[in-house]
Amino acid sequence: MSTRRGDLSPTVEGCARAGIPVHVVVDRKHDQVLLRSDPRSREYKNKVPHKRGTSFTVPAVVGVETKLSVDHLLDGDED
């Protein structure tokens, strides 16, 4: 049986191991976006959930500092 945790864990671990600086998960089940950063070994040291009605800035370590809307990520592009 597949679970949400089981489906995400290998991906997150793999991204952290590869040194990908930022990992963003759109979690529609919990109506939030999870921003992970600071990869070390097999995990991300920083894990920050962002709720609907807020926005957050992706760290500049990805090459550009970008502000994202949680609502837009959860709902998709309605244009």
N, C-alpha and C. Protein backbone atom coordinates (compact mmCIF):
# COMPACT_ATOMS: atom_id res chain seq x y z
N MET A 1 0.84 -1.18 0.00
CA MET A 1 0.00 0.00 0.00
C MET A 1 0.88 1.24 0.00
N SER A 2 0.56 2.20 -0.84
CA SER A 2 1.32 3.43 -0.94
C SER A 2 0.74 4.48 0.02
N THR A 3 1.63 5.20 0.66
CA THR A 3 1.19 6.27 1.55
C THR A 3 1.86 7.56 1.12
N ARG A 4 1.29 8.69 1.54
CA ARG A 4 1.86 9.98 1.22
C ARG A 4 3.29 10.05 1.73
N ARG A 5 3.51 9.68 2.96
CA ARG A 5 4.83 9.73 3.55
C ARG A 5 5.80 8.83 2.79
N GLY A 6 5.35 7.64 2.45
CA GLY A 6 6.19 6.72 1.69
C GLY A 6 6.51 7.23 0.30
N ASP A 7 5.56 7.90 -0.32
CA ASP A 7 5.77 8.42 -1.66
C ASP A 7 6.75 9.59 -1.66
N LEU A 8 6.74 10.41 -0.63
CA LEU A 8 7.58 11.60 -0.60
C LEU A 8 8.98 11.34 -0.04
N SER A 9 9.10 10.45 0.92
CA SER A 9 10.38 10.26 1.60
C SER A 9 11.54 9.94 0.68
N PRO A 10 11.43 9.00 -0.26
CA PRO A 10 12.57 8.72 -1.13
C PRO A 10 12.95 9.92 -2.00
N THR A 11 11.95 10.67 -2.45
CA THR A 11 12.22 11.85 -3.26
C THR A 11 12.96 12.91 -2.46
N VAL A 12 12.48 13.19 -1.27
CA VAL A 12 13.11 14.19 -0.41
C VAL A 12 14.53 13.76 -0.06
N GLU A 13 14.68 12.53 0.32
CA GLU A 13 16.01 12.02 0.68
C GLU A 13 16.96 12.11 -0.52
N GLY A 14 16.48 11.73 -1.68
CA GLY A 14 17.30 11.78 -2.88
C GLY A 14 17.71 13.20 -3.24
N CYS A 15 16.79 14.14 -3.11
CA CYS A 15 17.10 15.55 -3.39
C CYS A 15 18.13 16.08 -2.40
N ALA A 16 17.97 15.75 -1.14
CA ALA A 16 18.92 16.20 -0.12
C ALA A 16 20.30 15.59 -0.39
N ARG A 17 20.34 14.31 -0.68
CA ARG A 17 21.63 13.64 -0.98
C ARG A 17 22.31 14.27 -2.19
N ALA A 18 21.52 14.69 -3.17
CA ALA A 18 22.06 15.29 -4.39
C ALA A 18 22.51 16.73 -4.16
N GLY A 19 22.18 17.28 -2.98
CA GLY A 19 22.58 18.65 -2.68
C GLY A 19 21.69 19.71 -3.29
N ILE A 20 20.48 19.33 -3.69
CA ILE A 20 19.53 20.31 -4.23
C ILE A 20 19.18 21.26 -3.09
N PRO A 21 19.46 22.56 -3.26
CA PRO A 21 19.38 23.49 -2.13
C PRO A 21 17.99 23.75 -1.57
N VAL A 22 16.96 23.61 -2.40
CA VAL A 22 15.60 23.92 -1.96
C VAL A 22 14.66 22.86 -2.53
N HIS A 23 13.73 22.40 -1.69
CA HIS A 23 12.74 21.41 -2.11
C HIS A 23 11.38 21.94 -1.67
N VAL A 24 10.47 22.13 -2.62
CA VAL A 24 9.14 22.66 -2.34
C VAL A 24 8.10 21.58 -2.62
N VAL A 25 7.22 21.34 -1.64
CA VAL A 25 6.15 20.35 -1.79
C VAL A 25 4.81 21.07 -1.67
N VAL A 26 3.98 20.93 -2.69
CA VAL A 26 2.62 21.45 -2.65
C VAL A 26 1.76 20.33 -2.07
N ASP A 27 1.27 20.55 -0.88
CA ASP A 27 0.52 19.54 -0.13
C ASP A 27 -0.95 19.93 -0.08
N ARG A 28 -1.69 19.51 -1.08
CA ARG A 28 -3.10 19.86 -1.16
C ARG A 28 -3.92 19.17 -0.07
N LYS A 29 -3.48 18.00 0.35
CA LYS A 29 -4.20 17.28 1.41
C LYS A 29 -4.26 18.10 2.70
N HIS A 30 -3.16 18.77 3.03
CA HIS A 30 -3.10 19.57 4.24
C HIS A 30 -3.20 21.08 3.96
N ASP A 31 -3.48 21.42 2.70
CA ASP A 31 -3.71 22.81 2.29
C ASP A 31 -2.54 23.71 2.68
N GLN A 32 -1.34 23.27 2.33
CA GLN A 32 -0.14 24.04 2.65
C GLN A 32 0.97 23.73 1.65
N VAL A 33 2.00 24.55 1.70
CA VAL A 33 3.20 24.33 0.91
C VAL A 33 4.35 24.20 1.90
N LEU A 34 5.16 23.18 1.73
CA LEU A 34 6.30 22.94 2.62
C LEU A 34 7.58 23.30 1.89
N LEU A 35 8.36 24.19 2.48
CA LEU A 35 9.64 24.61 1.93
C LEU A 35 10.74 23.98 2.75
N ARG A 36 11.56 23.17 2.09
CA ARG A 36 12.71 22.55 2.75
C ARG A 36 13.96 23.17 2.17
N SER A 37 14.96 23.42 3.04
CA SER A 37 16.23 23.97 2.57
C SER A 37 17.35 23.49 3.48
N ASP A 38 18.57 23.81 3.10
CA ASP A 38 19.78 23.43 3.84
C ASP A 38 19.95 21.91 3.88
N PRO A 39 20.21 21.30 2.69
CA PRO A 39 20.38 19.85 2.65
C PRO A 39 21.68 19.41 3.32
N ARG A 40 21.57 18.39 4.13
CA ARG A 40 22.75 17.80 4.78
C ARG A 40 22.55 16.30 4.81
N SER A 41 23.46 15.62 4.18
CA SER A 41 23.42 14.16 4.12
C SER A 41 22.12 13.71 3.48
N ARG A 42 21.19 13.13 4.25
CA ARG A 42 19.96 12.56 3.69
C ARG A 42 18.72 13.35 4.05
N GLU A 43 18.85 14.56 4.58
CA GLU A 43 17.67 15.32 4.98
C GLU A 43 17.91 16.81 4.85
N TYR A 44 16.82 17.55 4.91
CA TYR A 44 16.87 19.00 4.92
C TYR A 44 16.75 19.47 6.36
N LYS A 45 17.63 20.34 6.77
CA LYS A 45 17.64 20.83 8.15
C LYS A 45 16.50 21.83 8.41
N ASN A 46 16.14 22.60 7.41
CA ASN A 46 15.06 23.59 7.57
C ASN A 46 13.81 23.10 6.87
N LYS A 47 12.71 23.04 7.62
CA LYS A 47 11.41 22.62 7.07
C LYS A 47 10.37 23.61 7.56
N VAL A 48 9.83 24.41 6.64
CA VAL A 48 8.90 25.46 7.03
C VAL A 48 7.58 25.31 6.25
N PRO A 49 6.48 25.05 6.97
CA PRO A 49 5.17 24.98 6.31
C PRO A 49 4.61 26.39 6.10
N HIS A 50 3.93 26.58 4.97
CA HIS A 50 3.30 27.87 4.66
C HIS A 50 1.84 27.61 4.37
N LYS A 51 0.98 28.34 5.04
CA LYS A 51 -0.47 28.17 4.93
C LYS A 51 -1.07 29.08 3.86
N ARG A 52 -2.28 28.75 3.47
CA ARG A 52 -3.06 29.55 2.53
C ARG A 52 -3.13 31.01 2.99
N GLY A 53 -3.15 31.92 2.04
CA GLY A 53 -3.25 33.34 2.35
C GLY A 53 -1.90 33.99 2.61
N THR A 54 -0.84 33.19 2.51
CA THR A 54 0.51 33.73 2.72
C THR A 54 1.35 33.54 1.46
N SER A 55 2.51 34.14 1.48
CA SER A 55 3.49 33.92 0.44
C SER A 55 4.83 33.74 1.12
N PHE A 56 5.80 33.25 0.39
CA PHE A 56 7.12 33.03 0.96
C PHE A 56 8.16 33.27 -0.13
N THR A 57 9.37 33.49 0.31
CA THR A 57 10.47 33.74 -0.61
C THR A 57 11.36 32.52 -0.68
N VAL A 58 11.58 32.05 -1.88
CA VAL A 58 12.52 30.96 -2.11
C VAL A 58 13.92 31.54 -1.92
N PRO A 59 14.76 30.90 -1.13
CA PRO A 59 16.10 31.44 -0.87
C PRO A 59 16.90 31.69 -2.15
N ALA A 60 17.69 32.74 -2.12
CA ALA A 60 18.49 33.14 -3.28
C ALA A 60 19.53 32.10 -3.67
N VAL A 61 19.75 31.10 -2.83
CA VAL A 61 20.72 30.06 -3.13
C VAL A 61 20.38 29.32 -4.43
N VAL A 62 19.13 29.40 -4.90
CA VAL A 62 18.75 28.75 -6.14
C VAL A 62 19.14 29.59 -7.36
N GLY A 63 19.69 30.75 -7.15
CA GLY A 63 20.14 31.59 -8.25
C GLY A 63 19.38 32.89 -8.38
N VAL A 64 18.19 32.93 -7.83
CA VAL A 64 17.39 34.15 -7.83
C VAL A 64 16.41 34.06 -6.66
N GLU A 65 16.22 35.19 -5.98
CA GLU A 65 15.27 35.21 -4.87
C GLU A 65 13.87 35.40 -5.47
N THR A 66 12.96 34.47 -5.21
CA THR A 66 11.64 34.49 -5.83
C THR A 66 10.56 34.38 -4.76
N LYS A 67 9.56 35.27 -4.86
CA LYS A 67 8.43 35.23 -3.93
C LYS A 67 7.29 34.43 -4.57
N LEU A 68 6.74 33.46 -3.83
CA LEU A 68 5.66 32.61 -4.33
C LEU A 68 4.43 32.71 -3.44
N SER A 69 3.27 32.69 -4.06
CA SER A 69 2.00 32.71 -3.36
C SER A 69 1.56 31.27 -3.08
N VAL A 70 1.25 30.98 -1.83
CA VAL A 70 0.78 29.64 -1.46
C VAL A 70 -0.53 29.34 -2.19
N ASP A 71 -1.45 30.29 -2.21
CA ASP A 71 -2.73 30.07 -2.88
C ASP A 71 -2.54 29.72 -4.36
N HIS A 72 -1.65 30.42 -5.01
CA HIS A 72 -1.40 30.16 -6.44
C HIS A 72 -0.83 28.76 -6.64
N LEU A 73 0.08 28.35 -5.78
CA LEU A 73 0.66 27.01 -5.90
C LEU A 73 -0.37 25.93 -5.62
N LEU A 74 -1.24 26.15 -4.65
CA LEU A 74 -2.27 25.16 -4.30
C LEU A 74 -3.37 25.07 -5.35
N ASP A 75 -3.75 26.22 -5.91
CA ASP A 75 -4.88 26.26 -6.83
C ASP A 75 -4.47 26.12 -8.29
N GLY A 76 -3.23 26.38 -8.61
CA GLY A 76 -2.77 26.35 -9.99
C GLY A 76 -3.10 27.64 -10.70
N ASP A 77 -2.78 27.69 -11.97
CA ASP A 77 -2.99 28.88 -12.78
C ASP A 77 -4.42 28.87 -13.31
N GLU A 78 -5.20 29.84 -12.90
CA GLU A 78 -6.60 29.91 -13.33
C GLU A 78 -6.81 30.87 -14.47
N ASP A 79 -5.72 31.43 -15.03
CA ASP A 79 -5.85 32.38 -16.15
C ASP A 79 -6.12 31.68 -17.45
